[in-house]
C-alpha atoms as a PDB file:
ATOM      1  CA  MET A   1      31.236   0.469   7.421  1.00  0.00           C
ATOM      2  CA  THR A   2      27.516  -0.200   7.838  1.00  0.00           C
ATOM      3  CA  SER A   3      26.194  -2.264   4.941  1.00  0.00           C
ATOM      4  CA  ILE A   4      22.688  -2.895   3.608  1.00  0.00           C
ATOM      5  CA  ALA A   5      21.616  -5.549   1.116  1.00  0.00           C
ATOM      6  CA  PHE A   6      19.214  -4.027  -1.420  1.00  0.00           C
ATOM      7  CA  TYR A   7      17.316  -6.941  -2.956  1.00  0.00           C
ATOM      8  CA  HIS A   8      15.545  -7.183  -6.319  1.00  0.00           C
ATOM      9  CA  THR A   9      17.047  -3.969  -7.641  1.00  0.00           C
ATOM     10  CA  ILE A  10      15.783  -2.669 -10.952  1.00  0.00           C
ATOM     11  CA  ASP A  11      17.795  -0.251 -13.082  1.00  0.00           C
ATOM     12  CA  GLU A  12      15.537   2.686 -12.210  1.00  0.00           C
ATOM     13  CA  GLU A  13      16.142   2.217  -8.472  1.00  0.00           C
ATOM     14  CA  ARG A  14      19.908   1.902  -8.548  1.00  0.00           C
ATOM     15  CA  PRO A  15      20.781   5.628  -8.957  1.00  0.00           C
ATOM     16  CA  PHE A  16      18.572   6.538  -5.985  1.00  0.00           C
ATOM     17  CA  ALA A  17      20.112   3.803  -3.814  1.00  0.00           C
ATOM     18  CA  GLU A  18      23.635   4.811  -4.810  1.00  0.00           C
ATOM     19  CA  ALA A  19      22.971   8.504  -4.161  1.00  0.00           C
ATOM     20  CA  TRP A  20      21.584   7.694  -0.719  1.00  0.00           C
ATOM     21  CA  ALA A  21      24.609   5.477   0.071  1.00  0.00           C
ATOM     22  CA  ALA A  22      27.047   8.239  -0.872  1.00  0.00           C
ATOM     23  CA  GLU A  23      25.172  10.817   1.192  1.00  0.00           C
ATOM     24  CA  HIS A  24      25.026   8.635   4.322  1.00  0.00           C
ATOM     25  CA  GLY A  25      28.408   6.890   4.108  1.00  0.00           C
ATOM     26  CA  VAL A  26      26.768   3.458   4.025  1.00  0.00           C
ATOM     27  CA  HIS A  27      27.611   0.558   1.709  1.00  0.00           C
ATOM     28  CA  VAL A  28      24.517  -0.493  -0.243  1.00  0.00           C
ATOM     29  CA  GLU A  29      24.874  -3.646  -2.311  1.00  0.00           C
ATOM     30  CA  CYS A  30      22.291  -3.841  -5.087  1.00  0.00           C
ATOM     31  CA  PHE A  31      21.308  -7.422  -5.859  1.00  0.00           C
ATOM     32  CA  PRO A  32      19.166  -8.117  -8.963  1.00  0.00           C
ATOM     33  CA  PHE A  33      17.520 -11.193  -7.433  1.00  0.00           C
ATOM     34  CA  GLU A  34      14.885 -11.647  -4.751  1.00  0.00           C
ATOM     35  CA  LEU A  35      15.450 -12.907  -1.231  1.00  0.00           C
ATOM     36  CA  HIS A  36      14.448 -16.574  -1.051  1.00  0.00           C
ATOM     37  CA  GLU A  37      15.759 -19.815   0.396  1.00  0.00           C
ATOM     38  CA  ASP A  38      18.292 -20.168  -2.406  1.00  0.00           C
ATOM     39  CA  THR A  39      19.641 -16.627  -1.924  1.00  0.00           C
ATOM     40  CA  LEU A  40      19.463 -16.486   1.868  1.00  0.00           C
ATOM     41  CA  HIS A  41      23.224 -17.012   2.161  1.00  0.00           C
ATOM     42  CA  THR A  42      23.823 -13.641   0.471  1.00  0.00           C
ATOM     43  CA  VAL A  43      22.744 -11.768   3.618  1.00  0.00           C
ATOM     44  CA  LYS A  44      25.956 -12.885   5.342  1.00  0.00           C
ATOM     45  CA  GLY A  45      28.025  -9.894   6.371  1.00  0.00           C
ATOM     46  CA  PHE A  46      25.254  -7.317   5.944  1.00  0.00           C
ATOM     47  CA  ASP A  47      23.772  -5.283   8.769  1.00  0.00           C
ATOM     48  CA  GLY A  48      20.350  -4.804   7.215  1.00  0.00           C
ATOM     49  CA  ILE A  49      17.961  -5.532   4.364  1.00  0.00           C
ATOM     50  CA  SER A  50      15.933  -3.443   1.942  1.00  0.00           C
ATOM     51  CA  TYR A  51      13.428  -5.705   0.259  1.00  0.00           C
ATOM     52  CA  LYS A  52      10.998  -5.521  -2.672  1.00  0.00           C
ATOM     53  CA  GLN A  53       9.322  -8.563  -4.128  1.00  0.00           C
ATOM     54  CA  ARG A  54       5.888  -9.931  -4.872  1.00  0.00           C
ATOM     55  CA  SER A  55       6.232 -13.386  -3.373  1.00  0.00           C
ATOM     56  CA  ALA A  56       6.980 -14.511   0.163  1.00  0.00           C
ATOM     57  CA  PRO A  57      10.665 -15.257   0.767  1.00  0.00           C
ATOM     58  CA  SER A  58       9.780 -18.675   2.143  1.00  0.00           C
ATOM     59  CA  PRO A  59       6.690 -20.592   3.266  1.00  0.00           C
ATOM     60  CA  ASN A  60       8.749 -21.851   6.198  1.00  0.00           C
ATOM     61  CA  PRO A  61       8.653 -19.642   9.336  1.00  0.00           C
ATOM     62  CA  ASP A  62      12.112 -21.010  10.186  1.00  0.00           C
ATOM     63  CA  PHE A  63      13.448 -18.737   7.435  1.00  0.00           C
ATOM     64  CA  TYR A  64      13.314 -15.844   9.905  1.00  0.00           C
ATOM     65  CA  ARG A  65      15.289 -17.757  12.542  1.00  0.00           C
ATOM     66  CA  ARG A  66      17.996 -18.318   9.965  1.00  0.00           C
ATOM     67  CA  LEU A  67      17.960 -14.617   9.043  1.00  0.00           C
ATOM     68  CA  SER A  68      18.405 -13.827  12.712  1.00  0.00           C
ATOM     69  CA  GLU A  69      21.372 -16.184  12.933  1.00  0.00           C
ATOM     70  CA  TYR A  70      23.018 -14.108  10.201  1.00  0.00           C
ATOM     71  CA  GLY A  71      22.622 -11.092  12.482  1.00  0.00           C
ATOM     72  CA  ILE A  72      19.665  -9.516  10.658  1.00  0.00           C
ATOM     73  CA  ARG A  73      17.440  -7.458  12.971  1.00  0.00           C
ATOM     74  CA  GLN A  74      15.268  -5.651  10.448  1.00  0.00           C
ATOM     75  CA  ILE A  75      13.716  -5.829   6.987  1.00  0.00           C
ATOM     76  CA  SER A  76      12.698  -2.581   5.297  1.00  0.00           C
ATOM     77  CA  LEU A  77      10.112  -3.134   2.605  1.00  0.00           C
ATOM     78  CA  ARG A  78      10.118  -0.847  -0.410  1.00  0.00           C
ATOM     79  CA  SER A  79       6.330  -0.963  -0.636  1.00  0.00           C
ATOM     80  CA  ALA A  80       3.209  -0.109   1.310  1.00  0.00           C
ATOM     81  CA  GLY A  81       1.990  -3.699   1.338  1.00  0.00           C
ATOM     82  CA  TYR A  82       3.605  -6.191   3.690  1.00  0.00           C
ATOM     83  CA  ASP A  83       1.575  -9.334   2.957  1.00  0.00           C
ATOM     84  CA  THR A  84       4.688 -11.232   1.762  1.00  0.00           C
ATOM     85  CA  ILE A  85       6.165 -11.112   5.274  1.00  0.00           C
ATOM     86  CA  ASP A  86       5.276 -13.530   8.081  1.00  0.00           C
ATOM     87  CA  LEU A  87       5.069 -10.837  10.745  1.00  0.00           C
ATOM     88  CA  ALA A  88       4.620 -13.253  13.628  1.00  0.00           C
ATOM     89  CA  ALA A  89       7.670 -15.322  12.631  1.00  0.00           C
ATOM     90  CA  ALA A  90       9.742 -12.167  12.188  1.00  0.00           C
ATOM     91  CA  HIS A  91       8.628 -10.873  15.588  1.00  0.00           C
ATOM     92  CA  ARG A  92       9.479 -14.178  17.302  1.00  0.00           C
ATOM     93  CA  ASN A  93      13.021 -13.851  15.932  1.00  0.00           C
ATOM     94  CA  ASN A  94      13.430 -10.181  16.901  1.00  0.00           C
ATOM     95  CA  ILE A  95      13.328  -8.947  13.307  1.00  0.00           C
ATOM     96  CA  ARG A  96      11.610  -5.595  12.931  1.00  0.00           C
ATOM     97  CA  ILE A  97       9.637  -4.827   9.777  1.00  0.00           C
ATOM     98  CA  THR A  98       9.032  -1.438   8.186  1.00  0.00           C
ATOM     99  CA  ASN A  99       7.168  -0.400   5.059  1.00  0.00           C
ATOM    100  CA  VAL A 100       6.830   2.746   2.980  1.00  0.00           C
ATOM    101  CA  PRO A 101       3.183   3.665   3.562  1.00  0.00           C
ATOM    102  CA  SER A 102       3.164   6.767   1.377  1.00  0.00           C
ATOM    103  CA  TYR A 103       5.656   6.719  -1.469  1.00  0.00           C
ATOM    104  CA  SER A 104       3.463   8.742  -3.848  1.00  0.00           C
ATOM    105  CA  PRO A 105      -0.331   8.662  -3.609  1.00  0.00           C
ATOM    106  CA  PRO A 106      -0.635  10.622  -6.887  1.00  0.00           C
ATOM    107  CA  ALA A 107       1.253   7.875  -8.758  1.00  0.00           C
ATOM    108  CA  VAL A 108      -1.385   5.252  -7.937  1.00  0.00           C
ATOM    109  CA  ALA A 109      -4.292   7.681  -8.148  1.00  0.00           C
ATOM    110  CA  GLU A 110      -3.249   8.843 -11.615  1.00  0.00           C
ATOM    111  CA  LEU A 111      -3.113   5.271 -12.921  1.00  0.00           C
ATOM    112  CA  THR A 112      -6.553   4.724 -11.387  1.00  0.00           C
ATOM    113  CA  LEU A 113      -7.817   7.707 -13.362  1.00  0.00           C
ATOM    114  CA  SER A 114      -6.212   6.270 -16.507  1.00  0.00           C
ATOM    115  CA  HIS A 115      -7.841   2.887 -15.928  1.00  0.00           C
ATOM    116  CA  ILE A 116     -11.262   4.359 -15.317  1.00  0.00           C
ATOM    117  CA  MET A 117     -11.031   6.563 -18.390  1.00  0.00           C
ATOM    118  CA  ARG A 118     -10.091   3.579 -20.553  1.00  0.00           C
ATOM    119  CA  LEU A 119     -13.045   1.617 -19.221  1.00  0.00           C
ATOM    120  CA  ILE A 120     -15.749   4.241 -19.455  1.00  0.00           C
ATOM    121  CA  ARG A 121     -14.627   5.349 -22.952  1.00  0.00           C
ATOM    122  CA  HIS A 122     -14.531   1.696 -24.092  1.00  0.00           C
ATOM    123  CA  VAL A 123     -10.931   1.994 -25.283  1.00  0.00           C
ATOM    124  CA  PRO A 124     -10.218  -1.783 -25.053  1.00  0.00           C
ATOM    125  CA  GLN A 125     -13.253  -2.538 -27.216  1.00  0.00           C
ATOM    126  CA  PHE A 126     -12.309   0.119 -29.770  1.00  0.00           C
ATOM    127  CA  ASP A 127      -8.760  -1.278 -29.845  1.00  0.00           C
ATOM    128  CA  GLU A 128     -10.132  -4.765 -30.426  1.00  0.00           C
ATOM    129  CA  ARG A 129     -12.332  -3.542 -33.273  1.00  0.00           C
ATOM    130  CA  ALA A 130      -9.462  -1.613 -34.847  1.00  0.00           C
ATOM    131  CA  SER A 131      -7.326  -4.768 -34.865  1.00  0.00           C
ATOM    132  CA  HIS A 132      -9.874  -6.120 -37.378  1.00  0.00           C
ATOM    133  CA  ASN A 133     -10.099  -2.862 -39.369  1.00  0.00           C
ATOM    134  CA  ASP A 134     -13.455  -2.142 -37.769  1.00  0.00           C
ATOM    135  CA  PHE A 135     -13.606   1.553 -36.900  1.00  0.00           C
ATOM    136  CA  SER A 136     -17.337   1.751 -36.252  1.00  0.00           C
ATOM    137  CA  VAL A 137     -18.720   3.300 -33.060  1.00  0.00           C
ATOM    138  CA  HIS A 138     -22.082   1.581 -32.794  1.00  0.00           C
ATOM    139  CA  GLY A 139     -22.958   0.163 -29.381  1.00  0.00           C
ATOM    140  CA  LEU A 140     -20.077   1.844 -27.534  1.00  0.00           C
ATOM    141  CA  ILE A 141     -21.433   5.238 -26.539  1.00  0.00           C
ATOM    142  CA  SER A 142     -19.832   6.515 -23.327  1.00  0.00           C
ATOM    143  CA  ARG A 143     -21.036   8.321 -20.255  1.00  0.00           C
ATOM    144  CA  GLU A 144     -19.148  11.334 -18.942  1.00  0.00           C
ATOM    145  CA  ILE A 145     -17.441  11.431 -15.562  1.00  0.00           C
ATOM    146  CA  SER A 146     -19.841  14.071 -14.239  1.00  0.00           C
ATOM    147  CA  GLU A 147     -22.651  11.527 -14.668  1.00  0.00           C
ATOM    148  CA  LEU A 148     -20.912   8.828 -12.665  1.00  0.00           C
ATOM    149  CA  THR A 149     -20.750   7.691  -9.062  1.00  0.00           C
ATOM    150  CA  ILE A 150     -17.218   6.603  -8.087  1.00  0.00           C
ATOM    151  CA  GLY A 151     -17.031   4.301  -5.058  1.00  0.00           C
ATOM    152  CA  ILE A 152     -13.715   4.085  -3.210  1.00  0.00           C
ATOM    153  CA  ILE A 153     -13.083   1.198  -0.797  1.00  0.00           C
ATOM    154  CA  GLY A 154     -10.087   2.159   1.335  1.00  0.00           C
ATOM    155  CA  VAL A 155      -9.894   5.927   1.656  1.00  0.00           C
ATOM    156  CA  GLY A 156      -6.384   6.376   2.995  1.00  0.00           C
ATOM    157  CA  ARG A 157      -3.594   8.358   1.369  1.00  0.00           C
ATOM    158  CA  ILE A 158      -4.220   6.907  -2.095  1.00  0.00           C
ATOM    159  CA  GLY A 159      -7.989   6.613  -1.870  1.00  0.00           C
ATOM    160  CA  SER A 160      -8.341  10.195  -0.688  1.00  0.00           C
ATOM    161  CA  THR A 161      -6.226  11.368  -3.644  1.00  0.00           C
ATOM    162  CA  VAL A 162      -8.547   9.436  -5.972  1.00  0.00           C
ATOM    163  CA  ALA A 163     -11.485  11.162  -4.261  1.00  0.00           C
ATOM    164  CA  ARG A 164      -9.973  14.606  -4.879  1.00  0.00           C
ATOM    165  CA  ILE A 165      -9.425  13.849  -8.564  1.00  0.00           C
ATOM    166  CA  PHE A 166     -12.955  12.639  -9.244  1.00  0.00           C
ATOM    167  CA  HIS A 167     -14.595  15.296  -7.087  1.00  0.00           C
ATOM    168  CA  ALA A 168     -12.724  17.900  -9.139  1.00  0.00           C
ATOM    169  CA  LEU A 169     -13.985  16.254 -12.337  1.00  0.00           C
ATOM    170  CA  GLY A 170     -17.584  16.519 -11.168  1.00  0.00           C
ATOM    171  CA  ALA A 171     -18.333  12.931 -10.193  1.00  0.00           C
ATOM    172  CA  ARG A 172     -20.347  11.907  -7.168  1.00  0.00           C
ATOM    173  CA  VAL A 173     -17.865  10.175  -4.853  1.00  0.00           C
ATOM    174  CA  LEU A 174     -18.698   7.557  -2.210  1.00  0.00           C
ATOM    175  CA  GLY A 175     -16.200   6.275   0.359  1.00  0.00           C
ATOM    176  CA  ASN A 176     -15.896   3.338   2.715  1.00  0.00           C
ATOM    177  CA  ASP A 177     -13.116   2.815   5.222  1.00  0.00           C
ATOM    178  CA  ILE A 178     -12.736   1.267   8.665  1.00  0.00           C
ATOM    179  CA  ASN A 179     -11.605   4.718   9.838  1.00  0.00           C
ATOM    180  CA  GLU A 180     -13.668   7.512   8.349  1.00  0.00           C
ATOM    181  CA  ASN A 181     -11.689  10.725   7.886  1.00  0.00           C
ATOM    182  CA  HIS A 182     -14.330  13.408   8.114  1.00  0.00           C
ATOM    183  CA  GLU A 183     -11.933  16.060   6.862  1.00  0.00           C
ATOM    184  CA  LEU A 184     -12.801  14.532   3.492  1.00  0.00           C
ATOM    185  CA  ASP A 185     -16.536  15.151   3.899  1.00  0.00           C
ATOM    186  CA  PRO A 186     -16.539  18.001   1.328  1.00  0.00           C
ATOM    187  CA  LEU A 187     -15.243  15.527  -1.267  1.00  0.00           C
ATOM    188  CA  LEU A 188     -17.304  12.408  -0.661  1.00  0.00           C
ATOM    189  CA  THR A 189     -20.150  10.712   1.174  1.00  0.00           C
ATOM    190  CA  TRP A 190     -19.367   7.927   3.644  1.00  0.00           C
ATOM    191  CA  VAL A 191     -21.529   4.834   3.139  1.00  0.00           C
ATOM    192  CA  SER A 192     -21.507   1.130   3.982  1.00  0.00           C
ATOM    193  CA  LYS A 193     -19.819  -1.322   1.614  1.00  0.00           C
ATOM    194  CA  ASP A 194     -23.214  -2.648   0.553  1.00  0.00           C
ATOM    195  CA  GLU A 195     -24.451   0.844  -0.307  1.00  0.00           C
ATOM    196  CA  LEU A 196     -21.229   1.758  -2.101  1.00  0.00           C
ATOM    197  CA  ILE A 197     -21.176  -1.383  -4.230  1.00  0.00           C
ATOM    198  CA  ALA A 198     -24.851  -1.121  -5.141  1.00  0.00           C
ATOM    199  CA  GLN A 199     -24.777   2.585  -6.051  1.00  0.00           C
ATOM    200  CA  SER A 200     -21.393   2.995  -7.785  1.00  0.00           C
ATOM    201  CA  ASP A 201     -20.724   3.064 -11.497  1.00  0.00           C
ATOM    202  CA  VAL A 202     -17.079   2.346 -10.697  1.00  0.00           C
ATOM    203  CA  VAL A 203     -15.822   0.531  -7.598  1.00  0.00           C
ATOM    204  CA  THR A 204     -12.099   1.135  -7.038  1.00  0.00           C
ATOM    205  CA  MET A 205     -10.064  -0.751  -4.425  1.00  0.00           C
ATOM    206  CA  HIS A 206      -7.339   0.893  -2.344  1.00  0.00           C
ATOM    207  CA  THR A 207      -6.872  -1.382   0.658  1.00  0.00           C
ATOM    208  CA  TYR A 208      -4.069  -3.396   2.207  1.00  0.00           C
ATOM    209  CA  LEU A 209      -4.192  -7.168   1.843  1.00  0.00           C
ATOM    210  CA  ASP A 210      -4.649  -8.956   5.141  1.00  0.00           C
ATOM    211  CA  ALA A 211      -6.994 -11.517   6.662  1.00  0.00           C
ATOM    212  CA  THR A 212      -9.864  -9.003   6.708  1.00  0.00           C
ATOM    213  CA  THR A 213      -9.548  -7.939   3.059  1.00  0.00           C
ATOM    214  CA  ARG A 214      -8.617 -11.157   1.265  1.00  0.00           C
ATOM    215  CA  HIS A 215     -11.296 -11.797  -1.363  1.00  0.00           C
ATOM    216  CA  LEU A 216     -13.214  -8.789  -0.086  1.00  0.00           C
ATOM    217  CA  ILE A 217     -14.660  -8.592  -3.578  1.00  0.00           C
ATOM    218  CA  ASP A 218     -16.179 -12.034  -4.081  1.00  0.00           C
ATOM    219  CA  ALA A 219     -19.087 -13.464  -6.051  1.00  0.00           C
ATOM    220  CA  HIS A 220     -21.617 -11.991  -3.635  1.00  0.00           C
ATOM    221  CA  ARG A 221     -20.113  -8.494  -3.796  1.00  0.00           C
ATOM    222  CA  LEU A 222     -19.881  -8.659  -7.577  1.00  0.00           C
ATOM    223  CA  SER A 223     -23.547  -9.657  -7.786  1.00  0.00           C
ATOM    224  CA  GLN A 224     -24.411  -6.502  -5.815  1.00  0.00           C
ATOM    225  CA  MET A 225     -22.848  -4.260  -8.474  1.00  0.00           C
ATOM    226  CA  LYS A 226     -24.800  -2.688 -11.305  1.00  0.00           C
ATOM    227  CA  PRO A 227     -24.514  -4.660 -14.564  1.00  0.00           C
ATOM    228  CA  THR A 228     -23.219  -1.422 -16.116  1.00  0.00           C
ATOM    229  CA  ALA A 229     -20.555  -0.912 -13.418  1.00  0.00           C
ATOM    230  CA  TYR A 230     -16.790  -1.426 -13.521  1.00  0.00           C
ATOM    231  CA  LEU A 231     -14.319  -2.792 -10.962  1.00  0.00           C
ATOM    232  CA  VAL A 232     -10.812  -1.336 -10.603  1.00  0.00           C
ATOM    233  CA  ASN A 233      -8.144  -2.959  -8.421  1.00  0.00           C
ATOM    234  CA  ASN A 234      -4.834  -1.164  -7.980  1.00  0.00           C
ATOM    235  CA  SER A 235      -4.186  -2.428  -4.440  1.00  0.00           C
ATOM    236  CA  ARG A 236      -3.347  -6.151  -4.071  1.00  0.00           C
ATOM    237  CA  GLY A 237      -4.405  -9.059  -6.248  1.00  0.00           C
ATOM    238  CA  GLY A 238      -5.784 -11.062  -3.340  1.00  0.00           C
ATOM    239  CA  VAL A 239      -8.345  -8.387  -2.500  1.00  0.00           C
ATOM    240  CA  VAL A 240     -10.407  -9.769  -5.412  1.00  0.00           C
ATOM    241  CA  ASP A 241     -11.591 -13.363  -5.802  1.00  0.00           C
ATOM    242  CA  THR A 242     -10.270 -13.750  -9.327  1.00  0.00           C
ATOM    243  CA  PRO A 243     -12.309 -16.810 -10.437  1.00  0.00           C
ATOM    244  CA  ALA A 244     -15.434 -15.005  -9.234  1.00  0.00           C
ATOM    245  CA  LEU A 245     -14.426 -11.913 -11.213  1.00  0.00           C
ATOM    246  CA  ILE A 246     -13.813 -13.943 -14.367  1.00  0.00           C
ATOM    247  CA  ASP A 247     -17.197 -15.603 -13.963  1.00  0.00           C
ATOM    248  CA  ALA A 248     -18.897 -12.230 -13.406  1.00  0.00           C
ATOM    249  CA  LEU A 249     -17.304 -10.797 -16.547  1.00  0.00           C
ATOM    250  CA  ASN A 250     -18.161 -13.796 -18.704  1.00  0.00           C
ATOM    251  CA  ASN A 251     -21.767 -13.731 -17.512  1.00  0.00           C
ATOM    252  CA  HIS A 252     -22.156  -9.942 -17.870  1.00  0.00           C
ATOM    253  CA  VAL A 253     -22.747  -9.458 -14.154  1.00  0.00           C
ATOM    254  CA  ILE A 254     -20.560  -6.328 -14.439  1.00  0.00           C
ATOM    255  CA  ALA A 255     -19.486  -4.306 -17.454  1.00  0.00           C
ATOM    256  CA  GLY A 256     -15.705  -4.602 -17.158  1.00  0.00           C
ATOM    257  CA  ALA A 257     -12.620  -4.390 -14.974  1.00  0.00           C
ATOM    258  CA  ALA A 258      -9.187  -2.796 -14.772  1.00  0.00           C
ATOM    259  CA  LEU A 259      -6.415  -4.502 -12.837  1.00  0.00           C
ATOM    260  CA  ASP A 260      -2.864  -3.488 -12.009  1.00  0.00           C
ATOM    261  CA  VAL A 261      -2.494  -6.436  -9.655  1.00  0.00           C
ATOM    262  CA  LEU A 262      -3.472 -10.075  -9.971  1.00  0.00           C
ATOM    263  CA  GLU A 263      -3.478 -13.183  -7.820  1.00  0.00           C
ATOM    264  CA  GLY A 264      -0.453 -15.297  -8.709  1.00  0.00           C
ATOM    265  CA  GLU A 265       1.305 -12.404 -10.434  1.00  0.00           C
ATOM    266  CA  ALA A 266       4.739 -12.989  -8.886  1.00  0.00           C
ATOM    267  CA  LYS A 267       6.075 -15.122 -11.748  1.00  0.00           C
ATOM    268  CA  LEU A 268       4.532 -12.891 -14.383  1.00  0.00           C
ATOM    269  CA  PHE A 269       4.511  -9.170 -13.650  1.00  0.00           C
ATOM    270  CA  GLY A 270       7.937  -7.581 -13.542  1.00  0.00           C
ATOM    271  CA  ASN A 271       9.451 -10.322 -15.696  1.00  0.00           C
ATOM    272  CA  GLU A 272      10.359 -10.488 -19.382  1.00  0.00           C
ATOM    273  CA  LEU A 273       9.228 -13.823 -20.771  1.00  0.00           C
ATOM    274  CA  PRO A 274      10.120 -15.356 -24.158  1.00  0.00           C
ATOM    275  CA  SER A 275       7.608 -14.188 -26.743  1.00  0.00           C
ATOM    276  CA  ASP A 276       6.966 -17.762 -27.890  1.00  0.00           C
ATOM    277  CA  GLN A 277       6.405 -19.100 -24.367  1.00  0.00           C
ATOM    278  CA  PRO A 278       2.812 -19.650 -23.226  1.00  0.00           C
ATOM    279  CA  ILE A 279       1.911 -17.589 -20.170  1.00  0.00           C
ATOM    280  CA  ASP A 280       1.565 -19.869 -17.176  1.00  0.00           C
ATOM    281  CA  ASN A 281      -1.160 -17.961 -15.349  1.00  0.00           C
ATOM    282  CA  GLN A 282      -4.698 -19.083 -15.991  1.00  0.00           C
ATOM    283  CA  TYR A 283      -6.164 -15.939 -14.429  1.00  0.00           C
ATOM    284  CA  TYR A 284      -4.185 -13.635 -16.691  1.00  0.00           C
ATOM    285  CA  ASN A 285      -5.011 -15.688 -19.768  1.00  0.00           C
ATOM    286  CA  ALA A 286      -8.744 -15.680 -19.039  1.00  0.00           C
ATOM    287  CA  LEU A 287      -8.841 -11.949 -18.303  1.00  0.00           C
ATOM    288  CA  HIS A 288      -6.553 -10.918 -21.153  1.00  0.00           C
ATOM    289  CA  ALA A 289      -8.890 -12.646 -23.606  1.00  0.00           C
ATOM    290  CA  LEU A 290     -11.794 -10.382 -22.647  1.00  0.00           C
ATOM    291  CA  PRO A 291     -12.324  -7.139 -24.596  1.00  0.00           C
ATOM    292  CA  ASN A 292     -13.701  -5.264 -21.571  1.00  0.00           C
ATOM    293  CA  VAL A 293     -10.683  -5.769 -19.304  1.00  0.00           C
ATOM    294  CA  VAL A 294      -7.635  -3.518 -18.835  1.00  0.00           C
ATOM    295  CA  ILE A 295      -4.512  -5.148 -17.358  1.00  0.00           C
ATOM    296  CA  THR A 296      -1.264  -3.408 -16.477  1.00  0.00           C
ATOM    297  CA  PRO A 297       1.705  -5.287 -14.936  1.00  0.00           C
ATOM    298  CA  HIS A 298       1.778  -3.775 -11.422  1.00  0.00           C
ATOM    299  CA  ILE A 299       3.005  -0.357 -12.540  1.00  0.00           C
ATOM    300  CA  ALA A 300       0.948   1.988 -10.355  1.00  0.00           C
ATOM    301  CA  PHE A 301       4.052   2.729  -8.259  1.00  0.00           C
ATOM    302  CA  PHE A 302       6.329   3.170 -11.248  1.00  0.00           C
ATOM    303  CA  THR A 303       7.014   6.907 -11.442  1.00  0.00           C
ATOM    304  CA  ASP A 304      10.292   8.695 -10.788  1.00  0.00           C
ATOM    305  CA  VAL A 305       8.939  10.305  -7.608  1.00  0.00           C
ATOM    306  CA  ALA A 306       7.533   7.072  -6.199  1.00  0.00           C
ATOM    307  CA  VAL A 307      10.582   4.923  -6.976  1.00  0.00           C
ATOM    308  CA  LYS A 308      12.926   7.458  -5.375  1.00  0.00           C
ATOM    309  CA  ASN A 309      10.755   7.719  -2.264  1.00  0.00           C
ATOM    310  CA  MET A 310      10.403   3.934  -1.935  1.00  0.00           C
ATOM    311  CA  ALA A 311      14.136   3.326  -2.229  1.00  0.00           C
ATOM    312  CA  GLN A 312      15.349   6.117   0.019  1.00  0.00           C
ATOM    313  CA  GLN A 313      12.656   5.862   2.708  1.00  0.00           C
ATOM    314  CA  SER A 314      13.348   2.144   2.953  1.00  0.00           C
ATOM    315  CA  LEU A 315      17.047   2.820   3.421  1.00  0.00           C
ATOM    316  CA  ASP A 316      16.337   5.568   5.978  1.00  0.00           C
ATOM    317  CA  ASP A 317      14.291   3.110   8.011  1.00  0.00           C
ATOM    318  CA  ALA A 318      16.895   0.352   7.723  1.00  0.00           C
ATOM    319  CA  LEU A 319      19.652   2.646   8.938  1.00  0.00           C
ATOM    320  CA  ALA A 320      17.535   3.994  11.799  1.00  0.00           C
ATOM    321  CA  ILE A 321      16.883   0.525  13.203  1.00  0.00           C
ATOM    322  CA  ILE A 322      20.407  -0.787  12.536  1.00  0.00           C
ATOM    323  CA  THR A 323      21.832   2.104  14.548  1.00  0.00           C
ATOM    324  CA  GLY A 324      19.491   1.588  17.484  1.00  0.00           C
ATOM    325  CA  GLY A 325      16.767   4.039  16.577  1.00  0.00           C
ATOM    326  CA  THR A 326      13.122   3.712  15.662  1.00  0.00           C
ATOM    327  CA  SER A 327      10.976   4.252  12.604  1.00  0.00           C
ATOM    328  CA  PRO A 328       7.409   5.572  12.468  1.00  0.00           C
ATOM    329  CA  HIS A 329       6.809   3.017   9.712  1.00  0.00           C
ATOM    330  CA  GLU A 330       7.394  -0.069  11.846  1.00  0.00           C
ATOM    331  CA  ILE A 331       4.779  -2.840  11.456  1.00  0.00           C
ATOM    332  CA  THR A 332       3.839  -5.092  14.362  1.00  0.00           C
ATOM    333  CA  PRO A 333       2.158  -8.513  14.110  1.00  0.00           C
ATOM    334  CA  TYR A 334      -1.025  -6.905  15.422  1.00  0.00           C
ATOM    335  CA  ASP A 335      -1.257  -4.661  12.363  1.00  0.00           C
ATOM    336  CA  ASN A 336      -1.997  -7.759  10.311  1.00  0.00           C
ATOM    337  CA  LEU A 337      -4.965  -8.960  12.384  1.00  0.00           C
END
């Protein structure tokens, strides 16, 4: 029987993986741990891999040669992002990589709406005041969405859904993407990054992480923003230069930020740590201490629809390649240039 190793399984994924396995007559083994050097031996005997994790399996490109020696010819990611994979090393060892580019755009877009609403209505500041029995409103008057300009960097499946939401709510929407989709022209205005950052009351990031987008939002970009503007990042932590963001927040260069992703999050988000253990992430600690910052632990994907689609599309792609077929979601090394 064909068998697939399903790594880093959470309880909410397991029923979807098991239902898919029963429907397709494939053995799917759900492992709770990630695929790393110390767990590499567990791939022995499996025909394929479904993979979800927030850190690279190994810094050593030879890892992929060893996977190949176990007979692995594909890795199906249960995510849109593929920055944890060394595509070139995988390609050299004849390992094909797929992702799930569209598991549920509304899931991420709805969290983006939630983040923006919390920021513009000053909910973190009101929460902080309430923790000291201060229920005053002075100094925290809000603007309404219809007054705002929302700037979206990366207007793909998710970004375009964000555009539809804020257009419907009456905001002015600006977009920037390397490929402008002019079917969206009724919803937004296409502008350069410089124009978008300078004009927007909220800048929201919806890009992949690769060599062209790493630290796309840096000290210079932050200095271009209005001092009353907010930054939202629900894409990948590395899209934002985190020390530059912390500096900009501390020096009131921008008004606040909302983050569902964070550089160095792999040992933090998705884990349950002892309540008396200090958090070993200086970026999180610095940001969490600020009253104008919203942080969620990489949950934008975490809806029933999205989790089902991620699990089952990943398994569809794994089975297609294992059995000699193709997948429209295959990633080549050139996609990461």
